[in-house]
Amino acid sequence: AASGRTFDTYTLGWFRQAPGKERQFVAAMRWSGSNTYY
């Protein structure tokens, strides 16, 4: 749940971090448009 501003010009992403490992990219998408990344 995102709040505090409008996100039309933003990209939102998901990352994950397992114990002892670096934070890792999972997925992302631009708030406007249909581009997705995995």
ModelCIF file with pLDDT and N, C-alpha, C, O atoms, coordinates in Angstrom:
data_MODEL
#
_entry.id   MODEL 
#
_entity.id                         1 
_entity.type                       polymer 
_entity.pdbx_number_of_molecules   1 
#
_entity_poly.entity_id                      1 
_entity_poly.type                           'polypeptide(L)' 
_entity_poly.nstd_linkage                   no 
_entity_poly.nstd_monomer                   no 
_entity_poly.pdbx_seq_one_letter_code       AASGRTFDTYTLGWFRQAPGKERQFVAAMRWSGSNTYY 
_entity_poly.pdbx_seq_one_letter_code_can   AASGRTFDTYTLGWFRQAPGKERQFVAAMRWSGSNTYY 
_entity_poly.pdbx_strand_id                 A 
#
loop_
_entity_poly_seq.entity_id 
_entity_poly_seq.num 
_entity_poly_seq.mon_id 
_entity_poly_seq.hetero 
1 1  ALA n 
1 2  ALA n 
1 3  SER n 
1 4  GLY n 
1 5  ARG n 
1 6  THR n 
1 7  PHE n 
1 8  ASP n 
1 9  THR n 
1 10 TYR n 
1 11 THR n 
1 12 LEU n 
1 13 GLY n 
1 14 TRP n 
1 15 PHE n 
1 16 ARG n 
1 17 GLN n 
1 18 ALA n 
1 19 PRO n 
1 20 GLY n 
1 21 LYS n 
1 22 GLU n 
1 23 ARG n 
1 24 GLN n 
1 25 PHE n 
1 26 VAL n 
1 27 ALA n 
1 28 ALA n 
1 29 MET n 
1 30 ARG n 
1 31 TRP n 
1 32 SER n 
1 33 GLY n 
1 34 SER n 
1 35 ASN n 
1 36 THR n 
1 37 TYR n 
1 38 TYR n 
#
_struct_asym.id          A 
_struct_asym.entity_id   1 
#
loop_
_ma_qa_metric.id 
_ma_qa_metric.mode 
_ma_qa_metric.name 
_ma_qa_metric.software_group_id 
_ma_qa_metric.type 
1 global pLDDT . pLDDT 
2 local  pLDDT . pLDDT 
#
_ma_qa_metric_global.metric_id      1 
_ma_qa_metric_global.metric_value   94.82 
_ma_qa_metric_global.model_id       1 
_ma_qa_metric_global.ordinal_id     1 
#
loop_
_ma_qa_metric_local.label_asym_id 
_ma_qa_metric_local.label_comp_id 
_ma_qa_metric_local.label_seq_id 
_ma_qa_metric_local.metric_id 
_ma_qa_metric_local.metric_value 
_ma_qa_metric_local.model_id 
_ma_qa_metric_local.ordinal_id 
A ALA 1  2 98.00 1 1  
A ALA 2  2 97.00 1 2  
A SER 3  2 96.00 1 3  
A GLY 4  2 95.00 1 4  
A ARG 5  2 93.00 1 5  
A THR 6  2 91.00 1 6  
A PHE 7  2 93.00 1 7  
A ASP 8  2 92.00 1 8  
A THR 9  2 94.00 1 9  
A TYR 10 2 96.00 1 10 
A THR 11 2 96.00 1 11 
A LEU 12 2 96.00 1 12 
A GLY 13 2 96.00 1 13 
A TRP 14 2 98.00 1 14 
A PHE 15 2 98.00 1 15 
A ARG 16 2 98.00 1 16 
A GLN 17 2 98.00 1 17 
A ALA 18 2 97.00 1 18 
A PRO 19 2 92.00 1 19 
A GLY 20 2 94.00 1 20 
A LYS 21 2 96.00 1 21 
A GLU 22 2 96.00 1 22 
A ARG 23 2 96.00 1 23 
A GLN 24 2 97.00 1 24 
A PHE 25 2 98.00 1 25 
A VAL 26 2 98.00 1 26 
A ALA 27 2 98.00 1 27 
A ALA 28 2 98.00 1 28 
A MET 29 2 96.00 1 29 
A ARG 30 2 95.00 1 30 
A TRP 31 2 92.00 1 31 
A SER 32 2 90.00 1 32 
A GLY 33 2 81.00 1 33 
A SER 34 2 84.00 1 34 
A ASN 35 2 90.00 1 35 
A THR 36 2 95.00 1 36 
A TYR 37 2 97.00 1 37 
A TYR 38 2 98.00 1 38 
#
loop_
_atom_site.group_PDB 
_atom_site.id 
_atom_site.type_symbol 
_atom_site.label_atom_id 
_atom_site.label_alt_id 
_atom_site.label_comp_id 
_atom_site.label_asym_id 
_atom_site.label_entity_id 
_atom_site.label_seq_id 
_atom_site.pdbx_PDB_ins_code 
_atom_site.Cartn_x 
_atom_site.Cartn_y 
_atom_site.Cartn_z 
_atom_site.occupancy 
_atom_site.B_iso_or_equiv 
_atom_site.pdbx_formal_charge 
_atom_site.auth_seq_id 
_atom_site.auth_comp_id 
_atom_site.auth_asym_id 
_atom_site.auth_atom_id 
_atom_site.pdbx_PDB_model_num 
ATOM 1   N N  . ALA A 1 1  ? 0.848  -1.187  0.000   1.00 98.00 ? 1  ALA A N  1 
ATOM 2   C CA . ALA A 1 1  ? 0.000  0.000   0.000   1.00 98.00 ? 1  ALA A CA 1 
ATOM 3   C C  . ALA A 1 1  ? 0.884  1.237   0.000   1.00 98.00 ? 1  ALA A C  1 
ATOM 4   O O  . ALA A 1 1  ? 1.692  1.429   0.908   1.00 98.00 ? 1  ALA A O  1 
ATOM 5   N N  . ALA A 1 2  ? 0.731  2.072   -1.014  1.00 97.00 ? 2  ALA A N  1 
ATOM 6   C CA . ALA A 1 2  ? 1.577  3.250   -1.183  1.00 97.00 ? 2  ALA A CA 1 
ATOM 7   C C  . ALA A 1 2  ? 0.782  4.519   -0.879  1.00 97.00 ? 2  ALA A C  1 
ATOM 8   O O  . ALA A 1 2  ? -0.372 4.647   -1.286  1.00 97.00 ? 2  ALA A O  1 
ATOM 9   N N  . SER A 1 3  ? 1.397  5.442   -0.170  1.00 96.00 ? 3  SER A N  1 
ATOM 10  C CA . SER A 1 3  ? 0.723  6.702   0.168   1.00 96.00 ? 3  SER A CA 1 
ATOM 11  C C  . SER A 1 3  ? 1.738  7.831   0.270   1.00 96.00 ? 3  SER A C  1 
ATOM 12  O O  . SER A 1 3  ? 2.946  7.594   0.274   1.00 96.00 ? 3  SER A O  1 
ATOM 13  N N  . GLY A 1 4  ? 1.243  9.051   0.353   1.00 95.00 ? 4  GLY A N  1 
ATOM 14  C CA . GLY A 1 4  ? 2.111  10.193  0.568   1.00 95.00 ? 4  GLY A CA 1 
ATOM 15  C C  . GLY A 1 4  ? 2.353  11.064  -0.643  1.00 95.00 ? 4  GLY A C  1 
ATOM 16  O O  . GLY A 1 4  ? 2.858  12.179  -0.510  1.00 95.00 ? 4  GLY A O  1 
ATOM 17  N N  . ARG A 1 5  ? 2.005  10.583  -1.813  1.00 93.00 ? 5  ARG A N  1 
ATOM 18  C CA . ARG A 1 5  ? 2.158  11.369  -3.031  1.00 93.00 ? 5  ARG A CA 1 
ATOM 19  C C  . ARG A 1 5  ? 1.431  10.637  -4.159  1.00 93.00 ? 5  ARG A C  1 
ATOM 20  O O  . ARG A 1 5  ? 0.945  9.521   -3.974  1.00 93.00 ? 5  ARG A O  1 
ATOM 21  N N  . THR A 1 6  ? 1.363  11.266  -5.313  1.00 91.00 ? 6  THR A N  1 
ATOM 22  C CA . THR A 1 6  ? 0.880  10.541  -6.490  1.00 91.00 ? 6  THR A CA 1 
ATOM 23  C C  . THR A 1 6  ? 2.065  9.817   -7.123  1.00 91.00 ? 6  THR A C  1 
ATOM 24  O O  . THR A 1 6  ? 3.182  10.332  -7.145  1.00 91.00 ? 6  THR A O  1 
ATOM 25  N N  . PHE A 1 7  ? 1.810  8.641   -7.625  1.00 93.00 ? 7  PHE A N  1 
ATOM 26  C CA . PHE A 1 7  ? 2.903  7.795   -8.105  1.00 93.00 ? 7  PHE A CA 1 
ATOM 27  C C  . PHE A 1 7  ? 2.917  7.640   -9.626  1.00 93.00 ? 7  PHE A C  1 
ATOM 28  O O  . PHE A 1 7  ? 3.557  6.728   -10.150 1.00 93.00 ? 7  PHE A O  1 
ATOM 29  N N  . ASP A 1 8  ? 2.224  8.514   -10.325 1.00 92.00 ? 8  ASP A N  1 
ATOM 30  C CA . ASP A 1 8  ? 2.110  8.376   -11.779 1.00 92.00 ? 8  ASP A CA 1 
ATOM 31  C C  . ASP A 1 8  ? 3.459  8.307   -12.469 1.00 92.00 ? 8  ASP A C  1 
ATOM 32  O O  . ASP A 1 8  ? 3.600  7.610   -13.475 1.00 92.00 ? 8  ASP A O  1 
ATOM 33  N N  . THR A 1 9  ? 4.451  9.010   -11.954 1.00 94.00 ? 9  THR A N  1 
ATOM 34  C CA . THR A 1 9  ? 5.768  9.059   -12.598 1.00 94.00 ? 9  THR A CA 1 
ATOM 35  C C  . THR A 1 9  ? 6.776  8.149   -11.902 1.00 94.00 ? 9  THR A C  1 
ATOM 36  O O  . THR A 1 9  ? 7.983  8.283   -12.107 1.00 94.00 ? 9  THR A O  1 
ATOM 37  N N  . TYR A 1 10 ? 6.290  7.236   -11.092 1.00 96.00 ? 10 TYR A N  1 
ATOM 38  C CA . TYR A 1 10 ? 7.166  6.384   -10.298 1.00 96.00 ? 10 TYR A CA 1 
ATOM 39  C C  . TYR A 1 10 ? 7.178  4.943   -10.803 1.00 96.00 ? 10 TYR A C  1 
ATOM 40  O O  . TYR A 1 10 ? 6.253  4.484   -11.474 1.00 96.00 ? 10 TYR A O  1 
ATOM 41  N N  . THR A 1 11 ? 8.244  4.259   -10.459 1.00 96.00 ? 11 THR A N  1 
ATOM 42  C CA . THR A 1 11 ? 8.366  2.817   -10.638 1.00 96.00 ? 11 THR A CA 1 
ATOM 43  C C  . THR A 1 11 ? 8.311  2.175   -9.260  1.00 96.00 ? 11 THR A C  1 
ATOM 44  O O  . THR A 1 11 ? 8.976  2.625   -8.327  1.00 96.00 ? 11 THR A O  1 
ATOM 45  N N  . LEU A 1 12 ? 7.523  1.135   -9.142  1.00 96.00 ? 12 LEU A N  1 
ATOM 46  C CA . LEU A 1 12 ? 7.454  0.382   -7.890  1.00 96.00 ? 12 LEU A CA 1 
ATOM 47  C C  . LEU A 1 12 ? 8.018  -1.009  -8.106  1.00 96.00 ? 12 LEU A C  1 
ATOM 48  O O  . LEU A 1 12 ? 7.716  -1.675  -9.096  1.00 96.00 ? 12 LEU A O  1 
ATOM 49  N N  . GLY A 1 13 ? 8.834  -1.429  -7.171  1.00 96.00 ? 13 GLY A N  1 
ATOM 50  C CA . GLY A 1 13 ? 9.501  -2.704  -7.315  1.00 96.00 ? 13 GLY A CA 1 
ATOM 51  C C  . GLY A 1 13 ? 9.375  -3.573  -6.081  1.00 96.00 ? 13 GLY A C  1 
ATOM 52  O O  . GLY A 1 13 ? 9.071  -3.091  -4.991  1.00 96.00 ? 13 GLY A O  1 
ATOM 53  N N  . TRP A 1 14 ? 9.611  -4.848  -6.266  1.00 98.00 ? 14 TRP A N  1 
ATOM 54  C CA . TRP A 1 14 ? 9.721  -5.811  -5.178  1.00 98.00 ? 14 TRP A CA 1 
ATOM 55  C C  . TRP A 1 14 ? 11.135 -6.370  -5.164  1.00 98.00 ? 14 TRP A C  1 
ATOM 56  O O  . TRP A 1 14 ? 11.679 -6.757  -6.198  1.00 98.00 ? 14 TRP A O  1 
ATOM 57  N N  . PHE A 1 15 ? 11.712 -6.403  -3.984  1.00 98.00 ? 15 PHE A N  1 
ATOM 58  C CA . PHE A 1 15 ? 13.019 -6.992  -3.751  1.00 98.00 ? 15 PHE A CA 1 
ATOM 59  C C  . PHE A 1 15 ? 12.890 -7.987  -2.616  1.00 98.00 ? 15 PHE A C  1 
ATOM 60  O O  . PHE A 1 15 ? 11.911 -7.965  -1.871  1.00 98.00 ? 15 PHE A O  1 
ATOM 61  N N  . ARG A 1 16 ? 13.881 -8.864  -2.483  1.00 98.00 ? 16 ARG A N  1 
ATOM 62  C CA . ARG A 1 16 ? 13.874 -9.804  -1.374  1.00 98.00 ? 16 ARG A CA 1 
ATOM 63  C C  . ARG A 1 16 ? 15.285 -9.977  -0.845  1.00 98.00 ? 16 ARG A C  1 
ATOM 64  O O  . ARG A 1 16 ? 16.273 -9.779  -1.552  1.00 98.00 ? 16 ARG A O  1 
ATOM 65  N N  . GLN A 1 17 ? 15.342 -10.350 0.416   1.00 98.00 ? 17 GLN A N  1 
ATOM 66  C CA . GLN A 1 17 ? 16.636 -10.571 1.052   1.00 98.00 ? 17 GLN A CA 1 
ATOM 67  C C  . GLN A 1 17 ? 16.551 -11.759 1.984   1.00 98.00 ? 17 GLN A C  1 
ATOM 68  O O  . GLN A 1 17 ? 15.779 -11.770 2.943   1.00 98.00 ? 17 GLN A O  1 
ATOM 69  N N  . ALA A 1 18 ? 17.357 -12.755 1.681   1.00 97.00 ? 18 ALA A N  1 
ATOM 70  C CA . ALA A 1 18 ? 17.458 -13.940 2.532   1.00 97.00 ? 18 ALA A CA 1 
ATOM 71  C C  . ALA A 1 18 ? 18.597 -13.724 3.531   1.00 97.00 ? 18 ALA A C  1 
ATOM 72  O O  . ALA A 1 18 ? 19.491 -12.917 3.279   1.00 97.00 ? 18 ALA A O  1 
ATOM 73  N N  . PRO A 1 19 ? 18.575 -14.436 4.661   1.00 92.00 ? 19 PRO A N  1 
ATOM 74  C CA . PRO A 1 19 ? 19.630 -14.266 5.671   1.00 92.00 ? 19 PRO A CA 1 
ATOM 75  C C  . PRO A 1 19 ? 21.020 -14.491 5.069   1.00 92.00 ? 19 PRO A C  1 
ATOM 76  O O  . PRO A 1 19 ? 21.266 -15.498 4.405   1.00 92.00 ? 19 PRO A O  1 
ATOM 77  N N  . GLY A 1 20 ? 21.911 -13.548 5.310   1.00 94.00 ? 20 GLY A N  1 
ATOM 78  C CA . GLY A 1 20 ? 23.284 -13.678 4.851   1.00 94.00 ? 20 GLY A CA 1 
ATOM 79  C C  . GLY A 1 20 ? 23.488 -13.396 3.377   1.00 94.00 ? 20 GLY A C  1 
ATOM 80  O O  . GLY A 1 20 ? 24.588 -13.580 2.855   1.00 94.00 ? 20 GLY A O  1 
ATOM 81  N N  . LYS A 1 21 ? 22.441 -12.950 2.698   1.00 96.00 ? 21 LYS A N  1 
ATOM 82  C CA . LYS A 1 21 ? 22.559 -12.689 1.266   1.00 96.00 ? 21 LYS A CA 1 
ATOM 83  C C  . LYS A 1 21 ? 22.225 -11.230 0.960   1.00 96.00 ? 21 LYS A C  1 
ATOM 84  O O  . LYS A 1 21 ? 21.606 -10.534 1.765   1.00 96.00 ? 21 LYS A O  1 
ATOM 85  N N  . GLU A 1 22 ? 22.647 -10.792 -0.211  1.00 96.00 ? 22 GLU A N  1 
ATOM 86  C CA . GLU A 1 22 ? 22.361 -9.428  -0.631  1.00 96.00 ? 22 GLU A CA 1 
ATOM 87  C C  . GLU A 1 22 ? 20.893 -9.295  -1.051  1.00 96.00 ? 22 GLU A C  1 
ATOM 88  O O  . GLU A 1 22 ? 20.230 -10.266 -1.416  1.00 96.00 ? 22 GLU A O  1 
ATOM 89  N N  . ARG A 1 23 ? 20.418 -8.045  -0.981  1.00 96.00 ? 23 ARG A N  1 
ATOM 90  C CA . ARG A 1 23 ? 19.066 -7.782  -1.449  1.00 96.00 ? 23 ARG A CA 1 
ATOM 91  C C  . ARG A 1 23 ? 19.002 -8.040  -2.958  1.00 96.00 ? 23 ARG A C  1 
ATOM 92  O O  . ARG A 1 23 ? 19.893 -7.644  -3.709  1.00 96.00 ? 23 ARG A O  1 
ATOM 93  N N  . GLN A 1 24 ? 17.949 -8.699  -3.374  1.00 97.00 ? 24 GLN A N  1 
ATOM 94  C CA . GLN A 1 24 ? 17.839 -9.211  -4.737  1.00 97.00 ? 24 GLN A CA 1 
ATOM 95  C C  . GLN A 1 24 ? 16.573 -8.682  -5.395  1.00 97.00 ? 24 GLN A C  1 
ATOM 96  O O  . GLN A 1 24 ? 15.509 -8.658  -4.777  1.00 97.00 ? 24 GLN A O  1 
ATOM 97  N N  . PHE A 1 25 ? 16.689 -8.261  -6.642  1.00 98.00 ? 25 PHE A N  1 
ATOM 98  C CA . PHE A 1 25 ? 15.544 -7.793  -7.406  1.00 98.00 ? 25 PHE A CA 1 
ATOM 99  C C  . PHE A 1 25 ? 14.595 -8.947  -7.687  1.00 98.00 ? 25 PHE A C  1 
ATOM 100 O O  . PHE A 1 25 ? 15.030 -10.064 -7.968  1.00 98.00 ? 25 PHE A O  1 
ATOM 101 N N  . VAL A 1 26 ? 13.289 -8.672  -7.609  1.00 98.00 ? 26 VAL A N  1 
ATOM 102 C CA . VAL A 1 26 ? 12.278 -9.683  -7.916  1.00 98.00 ? 26 VAL A CA 1 
ATOM 103 C C  . VAL A 1 26 ? 11.442 -9.245  -9.114  1.00 98.00 ? 26 VAL A C  1 
ATOM 104 O O  . VAL A 1 26 ? 11.373 -9.952  -10.120 1.00 98.00 ? 26 VAL A O  1 
ATOM 105 N N  . ALA A 1 27 ? 10.810 -8.082  -9.005  1.00 98.00 ? 27 ALA A N  1 
ATOM 106 C CA . ALA A 1 27 ? 9.917  -7.608  -10.060 1.00 98.00 ? 27 ALA A CA 1 
ATOM 107 C C  . ALA A 1 27 ? 9.698  -6.114  -9.906  1.00 98.00 ? 27 ALA A C  1 
ATOM 108 O O  . ALA A 1 27 ? 9.895  -5.557  -8.826  1.00 98.00 ? 27 ALA A O  1 
ATOM 109 N N  . ALA A 1 28 ? 9.287  -5.464  -10.995 1.00 98.00 ? 28 ALA A N  1 
ATOM 110 C CA . ALA A 1 28 ? 8.996  -4.033  -10.932 1.00 98.00 ? 28 ALA A CA 1 
ATOM 111 C C  . ALA A 1 28 ? 8.046  -3.658  -12.051 1.00 98.00 ? 28 ALA A C  1 
ATOM 112 O O  . ALA A 1 28 ? 7.921  -4.357  -13.057 1.00 98.00 ? 28 ALA A O  1 
ATOM 113 N N  . MET A 1 29 ? 7.374  -2.522  -11.843 1.00 96.00 ? 29 MET A N  1 
ATOM 114 C CA . MET A 1 29 ? 6.514  -1.996  -12.898 1.00 96.00 ? 29 MET A CA 1 
ATOM 115 C C  . MET A 1 29 ? 6.381  -0.501  -12.729 1.00 96.00 ? 29 MET A C  1 
ATOM 116 O O  . MET A 1 29 ? 6.468  0.018   -11.616 1.00 96.00 ? 29 MET A O  1 
ATOM 117 N N  . ARG A 1 30 ? 6.171  0.186   -13.825 1.00 95.00 ? 30 ARG A N  1 
ATOM 118 C CA . ARG A 1 30 ? 5.893  1.605   -13.774 1.00 95.00 ? 30 ARG A CA 1 
ATOM 119 C C  . ARG A 1 30 ? 4.439  1.797   -13.380 1.00 95.00 ? 30 ARG A C  1 
ATOM 120 O O  . ARG A 1 30 ? 3.566  1.044   -13.811 1.00 95.00 ? 30 ARG A O  1 
ATOM 121 N N  . TRP A 1 31 ? 4.181  2.815   -12.554 1.00 92.00 ? 31 TRP A N  1 
ATOM 122 C CA . TRP A 1 31 ? 2.824  3.049   -12.099 1.00 92.00 ? 31 TRP A CA 1 
ATOM 123 C C  . TRP A 1 31 ? 1.912  3.374   -13.278 1.00 92.00 ? 31 TRP A C  1 
ATOM 124 O O  . TRP A 1 31 ? 0.742  2.992   -13.287 1.00 92.00 ? 31 TRP A O  1 
ATOM 125 N N  . SER A 1 32 ? 2.446  4.072   -14.266 1.00 90.00 ? 32 SER A N  1 
ATOM 126 C CA . SER A 1 32 ? 1.694  4.362   -15.478 1.00 90.00 ? 32 SER A CA 1 
ATOM 127 C C  . SER A 1 32 ? 2.230  3.493   -16.597 1.00 90.00 ? 32 SER A C  1 
ATOM 128 O O  . SER A 1 32 ? 3.443  3.374   -16.770 1.00 90.00 ? 32 SER A O  1 
ATOM 129 N N  . GLY A 1 33 ? 1.347  2.893   -17.346 1.00 81.00 ? 33 GLY A N  1 
ATOM 130 C CA . GLY A 1 33 ? 1.792  2.040   -18.429 1.00 81.00 ? 33 GLY A CA 1 
ATOM 131 C C  . GLY A 1 33 ? 1.786  0.579   -18.035 1.00 81.00 ? 33 GLY A C  1 
ATOM 132 O O  . GLY A 1 33 ? 1.381  0.217   -16.930 1.00 81.00 ? 33 GLY A O  1 
ATOM 133 N N  . SER A 1 34 ? 2.240  -0.252  -18.952 1.00 84.00 ? 34 SER A N  1 
ATOM 134 C CA . SER A 1 34 ? 2.135  -1.696  -18.759 1.00 84.00 ? 34 SER A CA 1 
ATOM 135 C C  . SER A 1 34 ? 3.484  -2.403  -18.668 1.00 84.00 ? 34 SER A C  1 
ATOM 136 O O  . SER A 1 34 ? 3.532  -3.632  -18.617 1.00 84.00 ? 34 SER A O  1 
ATOM 137 N N  . ASN A 1 35 ? 4.584  -1.640  -18.647 1.00 90.00 ? 35 ASN A N  1 
ATOM 138 C CA . ASN A 1 35 ? 5.901  -2.299  -18.595 1.00 90.00 ? 35 ASN A CA 1 
ATOM 139 C C  . ASN A 1 35 ? 6.084  -3.024  -17.271 1.00 90.00 ? 35 ASN A C  1 
ATOM 140 O O  . ASN A 1 35 ? 5.871  -2.454  -16.201 1.00 90.00 ? 35 ASN A O  1 
ATOM 141 N N  . THR A 1 36 ? 6.480  -4.279  -17.356 1.00 95.00 ? 36 THR A N  1 
ATOM 142 C CA . THR A 1 36 ? 6.822  -5.055  -16.169 1.00 95.00 ? 36 THR A CA 1 
ATOM 143 C C  . THR A 1 36 ? 8.195  -5.684  -16.363 1.00 95.00 ? 36 THR A C  1 
ATOM 144 O O  . THR A 1 36 ? 8.632  -5.930  -17.487 1.00 95.00 ? 36 THR A O  1 
ATOM 145 N N  . TYR A 1 37 ? 8.859  -5.936  -15.251 1.00 97.00 ? 37 TYR A N  1 
ATOM 146 C CA . TYR A 1 37 ? 10.209 -6.484  -15.267 1.00 97.00 ? 37 TYR A CA 1 
ATOM 147 C C  . TYR A 1 37 ? 10.290 -7.578  -14.206 1.00 97.00 ? 37 TYR A C  1 
ATOM 148 O O  . TYR A 1 37 ? 9.735  -7.440  -13.116 1.00 97.00 ? 37 TYR A O  1 
ATOM 149 N N  . TYR A 1 38 ? 10.992 -8.670  -14.537 1.00 98.00 ? 38 TYR A N  1 
ATOM 150 C CA . TYR A 1 38 ? 11.098 -9.790  -13.616 1.00 98.00 ? 38 TYR A CA 1 
ATOM 151 C C  . TYR A 1 38 ? 12.521 -10.326 -13.580 1.00 98.00 ? 38 TYR A C  1 
ATOM 152 O O  . TYR A 1 38 ? 12.804 -11.279 -12.854 1.00 98.00 ? 38 TYR A O  1 
#
